[in-house]
N, C-alpha and C. Protein backbone atom coordinates (compact mmCIF):
# COMPACT_ATOMS: atom_id res chain seq x y z
N MET A 1 249.54 -84.89 67.15
CA MET A 1 249.66 -84.62 68.58
C MET A 1 249.35 -83.16 68.86
N ARG A 2 248.52 -82.93 69.87
CA ARG A 2 248.22 -81.58 70.31
C ARG A 2 248.65 -81.45 71.77
N ILE A 3 249.29 -80.34 72.09
CA ILE A 3 249.75 -80.07 73.45
C ILE A 3 249.04 -78.80 73.92
N VAL A 4 248.23 -78.94 74.95
CA VAL A 4 247.50 -77.81 75.53
C VAL A 4 248.28 -77.33 76.75
N ILE A 5 248.82 -76.12 76.66
CA ILE A 5 249.66 -75.57 77.72
C ILE A 5 248.83 -74.54 78.50
N VAL A 6 248.77 -74.71 79.81
CA VAL A 6 247.93 -73.85 80.65
C VAL A 6 248.76 -73.29 81.81
N ARG A 7 248.74 -71.97 81.96
CA ARG A 7 249.36 -71.39 83.15
C ARG A 7 248.41 -71.59 84.34
N HIS A 8 248.99 -71.67 85.52
CA HIS A 8 248.20 -71.84 86.75
C HIS A 8 247.27 -70.65 86.99
N GLY A 9 246.31 -70.85 87.87
CA GLY A 9 245.42 -69.77 88.28
C GLY A 9 246.10 -68.80 89.24
N GLU A 10 245.35 -67.76 89.63
CA GLU A 10 245.91 -66.76 90.53
C GLU A 10 246.43 -67.44 91.79
N PRO A 11 247.72 -67.19 92.15
CA PRO A 11 248.29 -67.92 93.28
C PRO A 11 248.48 -67.09 94.54
N ASP A 12 248.62 -67.78 95.62
CA ASP A 12 249.25 -67.26 96.82
C ASP A 12 250.68 -67.77 96.74
N TYR A 13 251.60 -66.90 96.27
CA TYR A 13 252.97 -67.35 96.02
C TYR A 13 253.65 -67.81 97.30
N GLU A 14 253.37 -67.16 98.41
CA GLU A 14 254.02 -67.53 99.67
C GLU A 14 253.66 -68.95 100.08
N LYS A 15 252.41 -69.32 99.92
CA LYS A 15 251.96 -70.67 100.29
C LYS A 15 252.01 -71.65 99.13
N ASP A 16 252.32 -71.16 97.93
CA ASP A 16 252.35 -71.97 96.70
C ASP A 16 251.05 -72.76 96.52
N CYS A 17 249.96 -72.02 96.50
CA CYS A 17 248.66 -72.63 96.27
C CYS A 17 247.79 -71.60 95.54
N LEU A 18 246.59 -71.99 95.17
CA LEU A 18 245.68 -71.07 94.51
C LEU A 18 244.91 -70.24 95.54
N THR A 19 244.61 -69.01 95.17
CA THR A 19 243.70 -68.20 95.95
C THR A 19 242.27 -68.63 95.65
N GLU A 20 241.32 -68.05 96.34
CA GLU A 20 239.91 -68.34 96.04
C GLU A 20 239.60 -67.99 94.59
N LYS A 21 240.09 -66.84 94.13
CA LYS A 21 239.88 -66.46 92.73
C LYS A 21 240.59 -67.44 91.81
N GLY A 22 241.78 -67.89 92.21
CA GLY A 22 242.52 -68.85 91.40
C GLY A 22 241.76 -70.14 91.19
N HIS A 23 241.06 -70.62 92.23
CA HIS A 23 240.26 -71.83 92.10
C HIS A 23 239.10 -71.61 91.12
N LEU A 24 238.51 -70.42 91.16
CA LEU A 24 237.43 -70.10 90.21
C LEU A 24 237.98 -70.06 88.78
N GLN A 25 239.17 -69.51 88.61
CA GLN A 25 239.79 -69.49 87.29
C GLN A 25 240.09 -70.90 86.81
N ALA A 26 240.59 -71.75 87.70
CA ALA A 26 240.90 -73.13 87.33
C ALA A 26 239.64 -73.87 86.91
N ALA A 27 238.53 -73.62 87.60
CA ALA A 27 237.26 -74.25 87.23
C ALA A 27 236.79 -73.77 85.86
N ALA A 28 236.97 -72.47 85.60
CA ALA A 28 236.57 -71.93 84.30
C ALA A 28 237.42 -72.52 83.18
N ALA A 29 238.73 -72.67 83.44
CA ALA A 29 239.61 -73.27 82.44
C ALA A 29 239.23 -74.74 82.19
N ALA A 30 238.90 -75.46 83.26
CA ALA A 30 238.49 -76.86 83.12
C ALA A 30 237.25 -76.97 82.25
N LYS A 31 236.27 -76.10 82.48
CA LYS A 31 235.06 -76.08 81.66
C LYS A 31 235.40 -75.79 80.21
N ARG A 32 236.29 -74.82 79.99
CA ARG A 32 236.70 -74.46 78.63
C ARG A 32 237.36 -75.64 77.91
N LEU A 33 238.10 -76.47 78.63
CA LEU A 33 238.89 -77.54 78.02
C LEU A 33 238.17 -78.89 77.97
N GLU A 34 236.94 -78.96 78.43
CA GLU A 34 236.28 -80.25 78.58
C GLU A 34 236.09 -81.01 77.28
N ASN A 35 236.03 -80.32 76.15
CA ASN A 35 235.80 -80.98 74.86
C ASN A 35 237.05 -81.02 73.99
N GLU A 36 238.21 -80.81 74.57
CA GLU A 36 239.45 -80.83 73.79
C GLU A 36 240.01 -82.23 73.58
N GLY A 37 239.39 -83.22 74.18
CA GLY A 37 239.86 -84.60 74.01
C GLY A 37 241.16 -84.90 74.73
N ILE A 38 241.39 -84.25 75.86
CA ILE A 38 242.64 -84.43 76.60
C ILE A 38 242.68 -85.82 77.23
N GLU A 39 243.75 -86.54 76.93
CA GLU A 39 243.90 -87.92 77.39
C GLU A 39 244.79 -88.05 78.61
N VAL A 40 245.80 -87.20 78.71
CA VAL A 40 246.77 -87.25 79.82
C VAL A 40 247.02 -85.83 80.28
N ILE A 41 247.15 -85.65 81.60
CA ILE A 41 247.44 -84.33 82.16
C ILE A 41 248.79 -84.38 82.84
N TYR A 42 249.68 -83.49 82.42
CA TYR A 42 250.99 -83.32 83.04
C TYR A 42 251.00 -81.99 83.79
N THR A 43 251.82 -81.90 84.83
CA THR A 43 251.86 -80.67 85.61
C THR A 43 253.23 -80.43 86.21
N SER A 44 253.54 -79.16 86.40
CA SER A 44 254.64 -78.80 87.28
C SER A 44 254.33 -79.36 88.67
N PRO A 45 255.35 -79.74 89.44
CA PRO A 45 255.08 -80.24 90.80
C PRO A 45 254.72 -79.14 91.78
N MET A 46 254.83 -77.88 91.37
CA MET A 46 254.53 -76.78 92.29
C MET A 46 253.04 -76.70 92.55
N GLY A 47 252.67 -76.34 93.78
CA GLY A 47 251.29 -76.43 94.22
C GLY A 47 250.31 -75.67 93.37
N ARG A 48 250.63 -74.46 92.97
CA ARG A 48 249.69 -73.64 92.22
C ARG A 48 249.36 -74.24 90.86
N ALA A 49 250.35 -74.88 90.22
CA ALA A 49 250.09 -75.54 88.94
C ALA A 49 249.34 -76.85 89.16
N ARG A 50 249.76 -77.60 90.19
CA ARG A 50 249.12 -78.89 90.45
C ARG A 50 247.64 -78.73 90.78
N GLU A 51 247.29 -77.72 91.58
CA GLU A 51 245.90 -77.51 91.92
C GLU A 51 245.07 -77.12 90.69
N THR A 52 245.67 -76.35 89.79
CA THR A 52 244.97 -75.99 88.55
C THR A 52 244.75 -77.21 87.69
N ALA A 53 245.77 -78.07 87.60
CA ALA A 53 245.66 -79.31 86.81
C ALA A 53 244.61 -80.24 87.41
N GLU A 54 244.56 -80.33 88.74
CA GLU A 54 243.61 -81.24 89.38
C GLU A 54 242.16 -80.81 89.14
N ALA A 55 241.94 -79.52 88.95
CA ALA A 55 240.57 -79.06 88.64
C ALA A 55 240.11 -79.64 87.30
N LEU A 56 241.01 -79.68 86.32
CA LEU A 56 240.65 -80.27 85.03
C LEU A 56 240.48 -81.78 85.16
N ALA A 57 241.40 -82.44 85.85
CA ALA A 57 241.31 -83.90 86.00
C ALA A 57 239.97 -84.30 86.62
N LYS A 58 239.57 -83.58 87.68
CA LYS A 58 238.29 -83.88 88.32
C LYS A 58 237.13 -83.62 87.38
N HIS A 59 237.22 -82.54 86.60
CA HIS A 59 236.11 -82.15 85.73
C HIS A 59 235.89 -83.16 84.60
N ILE A 60 236.98 -83.70 84.05
CA ILE A 60 236.83 -84.61 82.90
C ILE A 60 236.95 -86.08 83.30
N GLY A 61 237.14 -86.35 84.59
CA GLY A 61 237.12 -87.73 85.06
C GLY A 61 238.41 -88.50 84.92
N LEU A 62 239.55 -87.80 84.87
CA LEU A 62 240.83 -88.49 84.89
C LEU A 62 241.26 -88.72 86.33
N GLU A 63 241.83 -89.88 86.61
CA GLU A 63 242.13 -90.23 87.99
C GLU A 63 243.41 -89.61 88.51
N MET A 64 244.31 -89.19 87.63
CA MET A 64 245.59 -88.70 88.11
C MET A 64 246.18 -87.66 87.17
N VAL A 65 247.13 -86.90 87.71
CA VAL A 65 247.96 -86.01 86.90
C VAL A 65 249.40 -86.46 87.08
N THR A 66 250.23 -86.25 86.07
CA THR A 66 251.61 -86.70 86.10
C THR A 66 252.55 -85.52 86.30
N PRO A 67 253.30 -85.46 87.40
CA PRO A 67 254.22 -84.34 87.64
C PRO A 67 255.48 -84.45 86.78
N LEU A 68 255.94 -83.30 86.30
CA LEU A 68 257.17 -83.20 85.53
C LEU A 68 258.07 -82.19 86.23
N PRO A 69 259.06 -82.62 86.99
CA PRO A 69 259.87 -81.68 87.79
C PRO A 69 260.54 -80.60 86.96
N TRP A 70 260.92 -80.88 85.73
CA TRP A 70 261.68 -79.90 84.93
C TRP A 70 260.85 -78.70 84.49
N ILE A 71 259.51 -78.76 84.59
CA ILE A 71 258.67 -77.65 84.14
C ILE A 71 258.28 -76.74 85.32
N ARG A 72 258.89 -76.93 86.48
CA ARG A 72 258.64 -76.01 87.59
C ARG A 72 259.05 -74.60 87.18
N GLU A 73 258.60 -73.59 87.91
CA GLU A 73 258.87 -72.22 87.52
C GLU A 73 260.37 -71.91 87.54
N LEU A 74 260.78 -71.01 86.64
CA LEU A 74 262.16 -70.56 86.59
C LEU A 74 262.45 -69.63 87.76
N SER A 75 263.70 -69.61 88.17
CA SER A 75 264.16 -68.60 89.12
C SER A 75 265.14 -67.69 88.40
N TRP A 76 265.33 -66.50 88.94
CA TRP A 76 266.24 -65.55 88.30
C TRP A 76 266.97 -64.76 89.37
N GLY A 77 268.00 -64.04 88.95
CA GLY A 77 268.85 -63.28 89.88
C GLY A 77 270.31 -63.53 89.55
N SER A 78 271.18 -62.80 90.18
CA SER A 78 272.60 -62.90 89.89
C SER A 78 273.18 -64.22 90.38
N VAL A 79 274.04 -64.82 89.55
CA VAL A 79 274.70 -66.06 89.95
C VAL A 79 275.97 -65.79 90.76
N ASP A 80 276.48 -64.54 90.72
CA ASP A 80 277.77 -64.25 91.35
C ASP A 80 277.80 -62.89 92.04
N ASP A 81 276.63 -62.40 92.40
CA ASP A 81 276.50 -61.10 93.08
C ASP A 81 276.76 -59.91 92.18
N THR A 82 276.92 -60.15 90.87
CA THR A 82 277.00 -59.03 89.94
C THR A 82 275.62 -58.36 89.87
N PRO A 83 275.52 -57.06 90.07
CA PRO A 83 274.21 -56.40 90.02
C PRO A 83 273.56 -56.57 88.64
N ILE A 84 272.26 -56.89 88.62
CA ILE A 84 271.50 -57.03 87.38
C ILE A 84 270.28 -56.13 87.46
N PHE A 85 269.98 -55.47 86.38
CA PHE A 85 268.81 -54.61 86.31
C PHE A 85 267.56 -55.39 86.71
N ALA A 86 266.73 -54.79 87.57
CA ALA A 86 265.46 -55.37 88.02
C ALA A 86 265.64 -56.76 88.63
N ASP A 87 266.82 -57.00 89.21
CA ASP A 87 267.13 -58.29 89.84
C ASP A 87 267.00 -59.46 88.87
N GLY A 88 267.12 -59.17 87.56
CA GLY A 88 267.10 -60.24 86.57
C GLY A 88 265.73 -60.72 86.17
N HIS A 89 264.66 -60.01 86.54
CA HIS A 89 263.30 -60.39 86.19
C HIS A 89 263.17 -60.42 84.66
N PRO A 90 262.94 -61.59 84.03
CA PRO A 90 263.08 -61.71 82.58
C PRO A 90 262.12 -60.85 81.77
N TRP A 91 260.89 -60.63 82.26
CA TRP A 91 259.94 -59.82 81.49
C TRP A 91 260.35 -58.35 81.52
N THR A 92 260.85 -57.89 82.66
CA THR A 92 261.35 -56.53 82.75
C THR A 92 262.59 -56.36 81.88
N LEU A 93 263.43 -57.38 81.84
CA LEU A 93 264.64 -57.32 81.00
C LEU A 93 264.28 -57.26 79.52
N ALA A 94 263.27 -58.02 79.13
CA ALA A 94 262.84 -57.99 77.73
C ALA A 94 262.36 -56.59 77.35
N ASN A 95 261.59 -55.97 78.25
CA ASN A 95 261.13 -54.60 77.98
C ASN A 95 262.30 -53.62 77.94
N ARG A 96 263.30 -53.83 78.79
CA ARG A 96 264.49 -52.98 78.78
C ARG A 96 265.23 -53.13 77.45
N MET A 97 265.33 -54.34 76.93
CA MET A 97 265.98 -54.56 75.64
C MET A 97 265.25 -53.81 74.53
N ILE A 98 263.93 -53.79 74.60
CA ILE A 98 263.15 -53.05 73.61
C ILE A 98 263.47 -51.56 73.70
N ARG A 99 263.47 -51.02 74.91
CA ARG A 99 263.77 -49.60 75.10
C ARG A 99 265.17 -49.25 74.60
N ASP A 100 266.09 -50.21 74.76
CA ASP A 100 267.47 -49.99 74.33
C ASP A 100 267.70 -50.34 72.86
N ARG A 101 266.62 -50.72 72.16
CA ARG A 101 266.69 -51.09 70.74
C ARG A 101 267.60 -52.29 70.49
N ASP A 102 267.68 -53.18 71.47
CA ASP A 102 268.44 -54.42 71.30
C ASP A 102 267.61 -55.44 70.52
N ASP A 103 268.30 -56.41 69.95
CA ASP A 103 267.64 -57.43 69.14
C ASP A 103 267.16 -58.58 70.03
N LEU A 104 265.85 -58.66 70.21
CA LEU A 104 265.29 -59.72 71.04
C LEU A 104 265.50 -61.11 70.45
N LEU A 105 265.74 -61.17 69.15
CA LEU A 105 265.90 -62.46 68.47
C LEU A 105 267.37 -62.85 68.29
N SER A 106 268.27 -62.10 68.88
CA SER A 106 269.69 -62.43 68.72
C SER A 106 270.02 -63.79 69.33
N PRO A 107 270.69 -64.66 68.57
CA PRO A 107 271.09 -65.97 69.13
C PRO A 107 272.06 -65.82 70.30
N GLN A 108 272.66 -64.66 70.44
CA GLN A 108 273.62 -64.42 71.53
C GLN A 108 272.96 -63.78 72.76
N TRP A 109 271.64 -63.95 72.90
CA TRP A 109 270.96 -63.30 74.02
C TRP A 109 271.53 -63.71 75.37
N ARG A 110 272.05 -64.93 75.47
CA ARG A 110 272.59 -65.39 76.76
C ARG A 110 273.83 -64.60 77.18
N GLN A 111 274.53 -64.02 76.20
CA GLN A 111 275.73 -63.23 76.49
C GLN A 111 275.41 -61.75 76.68
N HIS A 112 274.16 -61.37 76.50
CA HIS A 112 273.76 -59.98 76.71
C HIS A 112 274.03 -59.59 78.16
N PRO A 113 274.49 -58.36 78.43
CA PRO A 113 274.78 -57.97 79.81
C PRO A 113 273.62 -58.16 80.78
N LEU A 114 272.38 -58.12 80.31
CA LEU A 114 271.23 -58.32 81.19
C LEU A 114 271.04 -59.79 81.58
N PHE A 115 271.67 -60.69 80.82
CA PHE A 115 271.47 -62.13 81.06
C PHE A 115 272.75 -62.88 81.40
N SER A 116 273.90 -62.31 81.10
CA SER A 116 275.15 -63.08 81.20
C SER A 116 275.47 -63.54 82.62
N HIS A 117 274.96 -62.84 83.63
CA HIS A 117 275.18 -63.25 85.03
C HIS A 117 273.88 -63.67 85.70
N ASN A 118 272.89 -63.98 84.91
CA ASN A 118 271.54 -64.25 85.41
C ASN A 118 271.29 -65.75 85.43
N ARG A 119 270.90 -66.27 86.58
CA ARG A 119 270.68 -67.72 86.66
C ARG A 119 269.49 -68.19 85.84
N VAL A 120 268.66 -67.28 85.35
CA VAL A 120 267.54 -67.69 84.51
C VAL A 120 268.03 -68.36 83.22
N VAL A 121 269.27 -68.06 82.80
CA VAL A 121 269.82 -68.71 81.60
C VAL A 121 269.94 -70.21 81.81
N ALA A 122 270.52 -70.62 82.94
CA ALA A 122 270.63 -72.04 83.25
C ALA A 122 269.26 -72.67 83.49
N GLU A 123 268.35 -71.90 84.10
CA GLU A 123 267.00 -72.40 84.33
C GLU A 123 266.28 -72.67 83.01
N ALA A 124 266.44 -71.76 82.04
CA ALA A 124 265.83 -71.96 80.72
C ALA A 124 266.44 -73.18 80.03
N ALA A 125 267.76 -73.35 80.18
CA ALA A 125 268.42 -74.51 79.57
C ALA A 125 267.90 -75.81 80.16
N ARG A 126 267.64 -75.82 81.48
CA ARG A 126 267.06 -77.00 82.12
C ARG A 126 265.69 -77.31 81.53
N THR A 127 264.89 -76.27 81.30
CA THR A 127 263.57 -76.47 80.71
C THR A 127 263.69 -76.99 79.28
N GLU A 128 264.63 -76.48 78.51
CA GLU A 128 264.82 -76.94 77.14
C GLU A 128 265.18 -78.43 77.10
N ALA A 129 266.09 -78.84 77.97
CA ALA A 129 266.49 -80.25 78.02
C ALA A 129 265.31 -81.13 78.42
N GLY A 130 264.56 -80.68 79.43
CA GLY A 130 263.38 -81.44 79.84
C GLY A 130 262.33 -81.53 78.75
N THR A 131 262.17 -80.43 78.01
CA THR A 131 261.21 -80.43 76.91
C THR A 131 261.53 -81.51 75.90
N ASP A 132 262.79 -81.62 75.52
CA ASP A 132 263.17 -82.62 74.50
C ASP A 132 263.00 -84.04 75.01
N GLU A 133 263.29 -84.28 76.28
CA GLU A 133 263.09 -85.62 76.83
C GLU A 133 261.60 -85.96 76.86
N TRP A 134 260.79 -85.01 77.23
CA TRP A 134 259.33 -85.22 77.27
C TRP A 134 258.78 -85.42 75.86
N MET A 135 259.24 -84.61 74.92
CA MET A 135 258.78 -84.75 73.54
C MET A 135 259.13 -86.14 72.99
N LYS A 136 260.28 -86.65 73.39
CA LYS A 136 260.67 -88.00 72.96
C LYS A 136 259.68 -89.03 73.50
N GLU A 137 259.25 -88.86 74.75
CA GLU A 137 258.26 -89.76 75.33
C GLU A 137 256.93 -89.68 74.58
N LEU A 138 256.62 -88.49 74.06
CA LEU A 138 255.38 -88.31 73.31
C LEU A 138 255.50 -88.79 71.86
N GLY A 139 256.73 -89.14 71.44
CA GLY A 139 256.92 -89.68 70.10
C GLY A 139 257.53 -88.71 69.11
N TYR A 140 258.25 -87.69 69.61
CA TYR A 140 258.87 -86.69 68.74
C TYR A 140 260.30 -86.46 69.19
N VAL A 141 261.25 -86.76 68.30
CA VAL A 141 262.67 -86.69 68.62
C VAL A 141 263.29 -85.46 67.96
N ARG A 142 263.96 -84.66 68.75
CA ARG A 142 264.58 -83.43 68.24
C ARG A 142 265.71 -83.77 67.29
N GLU A 143 265.69 -83.13 66.10
CA GLU A 143 266.77 -83.22 65.14
C GLU A 143 267.10 -81.80 64.69
N GLY A 144 268.11 -81.20 65.30
CA GLY A 144 268.46 -79.83 64.96
C GLY A 144 267.35 -78.88 65.38
N LEU A 145 266.75 -78.22 64.40
CA LEU A 145 265.71 -77.23 64.68
C LEU A 145 264.31 -77.83 64.73
N TYR A 146 264.16 -79.11 64.34
CA TYR A 146 262.83 -79.67 64.16
C TYR A 146 262.68 -80.98 64.94
N TYR A 147 261.53 -81.62 64.78
CA TYR A 147 261.25 -82.87 65.47
C TYR A 147 260.85 -83.95 64.47
N ARG A 148 261.38 -85.15 64.69
CA ARG A 148 261.01 -86.31 63.87
C ARG A 148 259.86 -87.03 64.56
N CYS A 149 258.76 -87.22 63.84
CA CYS A 149 257.64 -87.97 64.39
C CYS A 149 258.00 -89.45 64.39
N CYS A 150 258.13 -90.01 65.57
CA CYS A 150 258.49 -91.42 65.72
C CYS A 150 257.32 -92.25 66.25
N ARG A 151 256.12 -91.69 66.14
CA ARG A 151 254.94 -92.42 66.57
C ARG A 151 254.66 -93.58 65.61
N THR A 152 253.96 -94.57 66.10
CA THR A 152 253.64 -95.72 65.26
C THR A 152 252.21 -95.68 64.75
N ASP A 153 251.48 -94.62 65.11
CA ASP A 153 250.11 -94.48 64.61
C ASP A 153 249.89 -93.04 64.16
N ARG A 154 248.77 -92.80 63.49
CA ARG A 154 248.45 -91.47 63.01
C ARG A 154 247.28 -90.85 63.78
N GLU A 155 246.98 -91.39 64.95
CA GLU A 155 245.89 -90.86 65.75
C GLU A 155 246.22 -89.47 66.29
N GLN A 156 245.19 -88.64 66.42
CA GLN A 156 245.39 -87.29 66.96
C GLN A 156 245.22 -87.32 68.48
N HIS A 157 246.32 -87.47 69.19
CA HIS A 157 246.29 -87.50 70.65
C HIS A 157 246.44 -86.08 71.19
N THR A 158 245.83 -85.81 72.34
CA THR A 158 245.92 -84.50 72.97
C THR A 158 246.30 -84.66 74.43
N VAL A 159 247.31 -83.92 74.85
CA VAL A 159 247.73 -83.92 76.25
C VAL A 159 247.69 -82.48 76.76
N ALA A 160 247.62 -82.32 78.07
CA ALA A 160 247.64 -80.99 78.69
C ALA A 160 248.86 -80.88 79.59
N LEU A 161 249.43 -79.68 79.63
CA LEU A 161 250.58 -79.39 80.47
C LEU A 161 250.29 -78.12 81.27
N PHE A 162 250.25 -78.24 82.60
CA PHE A 162 249.99 -77.10 83.47
C PHE A 162 251.31 -76.62 84.07
N CYS A 163 251.60 -75.35 83.88
CA CYS A 163 252.90 -74.86 84.34
C CYS A 163 252.84 -73.38 84.68
N HIS A 164 253.85 -72.61 84.28
CA HIS A 164 254.06 -71.26 84.78
C HIS A 164 254.41 -70.31 83.64
N GLY A 165 254.38 -69.02 83.94
CA GLY A 165 254.70 -68.04 82.91
C GLY A 165 256.11 -68.16 82.38
N GLY A 166 257.08 -68.32 83.28
CA GLY A 166 258.47 -68.41 82.85
C GLY A 166 258.82 -69.71 82.18
N SER A 167 258.45 -70.83 82.80
CA SER A 167 258.81 -72.12 82.22
C SER A 167 258.09 -72.37 80.90
N SER A 168 256.83 -71.91 80.79
CA SER A 168 256.14 -72.09 79.51
C SER A 168 256.77 -71.22 78.42
N SER A 169 257.28 -70.04 78.80
CA SER A 169 257.97 -69.18 77.82
C SER A 169 259.25 -69.85 77.33
N ALA A 170 260.01 -70.46 78.24
CA ALA A 170 261.23 -71.17 77.84
C ALA A 170 260.90 -72.37 76.96
N LEU A 171 259.85 -73.11 77.31
CA LEU A 171 259.42 -74.26 76.51
C LEU A 171 259.02 -73.82 75.11
N LEU A 172 258.19 -72.78 75.01
CA LEU A 172 257.71 -72.33 73.70
C LEU A 172 258.85 -71.77 72.85
N ALA A 173 259.77 -71.04 73.49
CA ALA A 173 260.91 -70.52 72.74
C ALA A 173 261.70 -71.66 72.10
N HIS A 174 261.88 -72.74 72.85
CA HIS A 174 262.64 -73.88 72.34
C HIS A 174 261.87 -74.61 71.24
N LEU A 175 260.59 -74.86 71.45
CA LEU A 175 259.80 -75.55 70.45
C LEU A 175 259.75 -74.78 69.13
N LEU A 176 259.63 -73.45 69.23
CA LEU A 176 259.40 -72.62 68.05
C LEU A 176 260.67 -72.00 67.48
N ASN A 177 261.83 -72.30 68.10
CA ASN A 177 263.12 -71.81 67.62
C ASN A 177 263.20 -70.28 67.59
N VAL A 178 262.70 -69.67 68.66
CA VAL A 178 262.91 -68.25 68.88
C VAL A 178 263.58 -68.10 70.24
N THR A 179 263.88 -66.87 70.64
CA THR A 179 264.61 -66.70 71.90
C THR A 179 263.68 -66.53 73.09
N PHE A 180 264.21 -66.85 74.25
CA PHE A 180 263.46 -66.69 75.48
C PHE A 180 263.04 -65.23 75.72
N PRO A 181 263.95 -64.24 75.56
CA PRO A 181 263.51 -62.85 75.75
C PRO A 181 262.41 -62.44 74.78
N TYR A 182 262.46 -62.95 73.56
CA TYR A 182 261.44 -62.62 72.57
C TYR A 182 260.06 -63.11 73.03
N VAL A 183 259.99 -64.35 73.50
CA VAL A 183 258.71 -64.88 73.97
C VAL A 183 258.23 -64.11 75.19
N CYS A 184 259.15 -63.77 76.10
CA CYS A 184 258.76 -62.97 77.27
C CYS A 184 258.13 -61.64 76.84
N ALA A 185 258.62 -61.07 75.74
CA ALA A 185 258.13 -59.78 75.28
C ALA A 185 256.80 -59.86 74.55
N VAL A 186 256.60 -60.93 73.77
CA VAL A 186 255.45 -60.93 72.85
C VAL A 186 254.31 -61.86 73.26
N LEU A 187 254.54 -62.74 74.23
CA LEU A 187 253.49 -63.69 74.60
C LEU A 187 253.29 -63.66 76.11
N HIS A 188 252.44 -62.76 76.56
CA HIS A 188 252.17 -62.65 77.99
C HIS A 188 251.11 -63.67 78.39
N MET A 189 251.41 -64.45 79.41
CA MET A 189 250.53 -65.53 79.85
C MET A 189 249.66 -65.07 81.03
N PRO A 190 248.38 -64.79 80.84
CA PRO A 190 247.51 -64.49 81.97
C PRO A 190 247.26 -65.76 82.78
N PHE A 191 246.75 -65.60 83.99
CA PHE A 191 246.43 -66.78 84.79
C PHE A 191 245.41 -67.64 84.06
N THR A 192 245.69 -68.93 83.98
CA THR A 192 244.95 -69.96 83.22
C THR A 192 244.88 -69.66 81.73
N GLY A 193 245.80 -68.82 81.24
CA GLY A 193 245.88 -68.62 79.80
C GLY A 193 246.21 -69.93 79.10
N ILE A 194 245.58 -70.16 77.94
CA ILE A 194 245.69 -71.42 77.22
C ILE A 194 246.43 -71.22 75.90
N THR A 195 247.44 -72.03 75.66
CA THR A 195 248.17 -72.05 74.40
C THR A 195 248.12 -73.49 73.87
N ILE A 196 247.86 -73.65 72.58
CA ILE A 196 247.77 -74.99 72.01
C ILE A 196 248.78 -75.12 70.86
N ILE A 197 249.59 -76.16 70.94
CA ILE A 197 250.60 -76.47 69.92
C ILE A 197 250.21 -77.78 69.25
N ARG A 198 250.32 -77.83 67.93
CA ARG A 198 250.01 -79.05 67.19
C ARG A 198 251.23 -79.48 66.38
N LEU A 199 251.49 -80.79 66.36
CA LEU A 199 252.58 -81.35 65.57
C LEU A 199 252.04 -82.37 64.59
N GLY A 200 252.67 -82.46 63.44
CA GLY A 200 252.27 -83.43 62.43
C GLY A 200 252.34 -84.85 62.97
N ARG A 201 251.48 -85.73 62.46
CA ARG A 201 251.39 -87.08 63.02
C ARG A 201 251.71 -88.18 62.01
N GLU A 202 252.36 -87.82 60.91
CA GLU A 202 252.76 -88.83 59.93
C GLU A 202 254.06 -89.48 60.40
N PRO A 203 254.07 -90.81 60.65
CA PRO A 203 255.28 -91.47 61.13
C PRO A 203 256.47 -91.22 60.20
N GLY A 204 257.60 -90.83 60.79
CA GLY A 204 258.81 -90.57 60.03
C GLY A 204 258.95 -89.14 59.53
N GLU A 205 257.89 -88.35 59.63
CA GLU A 205 257.90 -86.98 59.12
C GLU A 205 258.71 -86.06 60.03
N LEU A 206 259.45 -85.11 59.43
CA LEU A 206 260.14 -84.07 60.16
C LEU A 206 259.18 -82.90 60.28
N VAL A 207 258.91 -82.44 61.51
CA VAL A 207 257.84 -81.48 61.70
C VAL A 207 258.31 -80.26 62.49
N MET A 208 257.58 -79.16 62.27
CA MET A 208 257.75 -77.93 63.04
C MET A 208 256.46 -77.71 63.81
N PRO A 209 256.51 -77.46 65.11
CA PRO A 209 255.28 -77.21 65.88
C PRO A 209 254.49 -76.04 65.31
N ILE A 210 253.17 -76.18 65.29
CA ILE A 210 252.25 -75.17 64.77
C ILE A 210 251.46 -74.61 65.95
N VAL A 211 251.31 -73.30 65.99
CA VAL A 211 250.55 -72.65 67.06
C VAL A 211 249.09 -72.58 66.65
N GLU A 212 248.24 -73.32 67.35
CA GLU A 212 246.80 -73.26 67.13
C GLU A 212 246.16 -72.10 67.87
N LEU A 213 246.64 -71.84 69.07
CA LEU A 213 246.04 -70.85 69.95
C LEU A 213 247.14 -70.33 70.86
N ALA A 214 247.10 -69.04 71.19
CA ALA A 214 248.15 -68.47 72.02
C ALA A 214 247.56 -67.61 73.13
N SER A 215 247.86 -67.97 74.36
CA SER A 215 247.58 -67.14 75.53
C SER A 215 246.12 -66.71 75.62
N ASP A 216 245.21 -67.64 75.39
CA ASP A 216 243.78 -67.32 75.36
C ASP A 216 243.19 -67.37 76.78
N SER A 217 242.50 -66.31 77.16
CA SER A 217 241.88 -66.27 78.49
C SER A 217 240.40 -65.88 78.41
N ARG A 218 239.77 -66.14 77.28
CA ARG A 218 238.38 -65.72 77.11
C ARG A 218 237.43 -66.43 78.07
N HIS A 219 237.86 -67.59 78.58
CA HIS A 219 237.01 -68.29 79.55
C HIS A 219 236.85 -67.51 80.86
N LEU A 220 237.71 -66.51 81.07
CA LEU A 220 237.63 -65.69 82.28
C LEU A 220 236.73 -64.48 82.09
N ASN A 221 236.30 -64.25 80.85
CA ASN A 221 235.51 -63.06 80.52
C ASN A 221 236.23 -61.77 80.91
N GLU A 222 237.56 -61.84 80.85
CA GLU A 222 238.40 -60.67 81.10
C GLU A 222 239.42 -60.62 79.97
N PRO A 223 239.22 -59.77 78.96
CA PRO A 223 240.10 -59.79 77.79
C PRO A 223 241.58 -59.66 78.12
N TYR A 224 241.95 -58.79 79.05
CA TYR A 224 243.35 -58.61 79.42
C TYR A 224 243.43 -58.60 80.95
N PRO A 225 243.27 -59.76 81.57
CA PRO A 225 243.04 -59.81 83.02
C PRO A 225 244.20 -59.35 83.90
N GLU A 226 245.43 -59.30 83.36
CA GLU A 226 246.55 -58.93 84.23
C GLU A 226 247.18 -57.61 83.85
N GLU A 227 246.58 -56.85 82.96
CA GLU A 227 247.15 -55.56 82.58
C GLU A 227 246.64 -54.46 83.50
């Protein structure tokens, strides 16, 4: 099984849709993905992700995309009016942890003062739970740190998932058994950035997801488009 994870194109956040440039980025991503053998397209229900997913569906001739409500973008901010640095913005918090020499990989990151009153913790947990339910539908059941392949065939299926910078970071942190702040720090997702995860396909095998590709935006001809 291969999972192609794509962040949405440049958005108009207020209208929750793609800008003109975002549509061009979505078309470029669709062209880049045309030979990946994608069989099913899943998407966040949010407009900017859905429009990016629909560009691929149209390009490769799929009639529909399947919305997954749990992969919508994360929200952040104080849950109880306790002041939080940078209003709880997770990427800024990850950078602050680096400056403070904190351990980004600490299993206790949720209790860190930058996160302990931040609703992004519950949002990430929602994404983790949704990830495991979706993985079960794809034929992989979570067992502790790993996944049991429960598929009945050994075919190499490929699906695509269109989502957001925050929710994809939470998903990848859970799949790869690292922390959410760590992924926010080390894996920046440009618009229509592509990440590919592969899992073993031997029925009954206990597997760890393998990273084939991470945050690739070469289809935009802009090596670091958001820096």
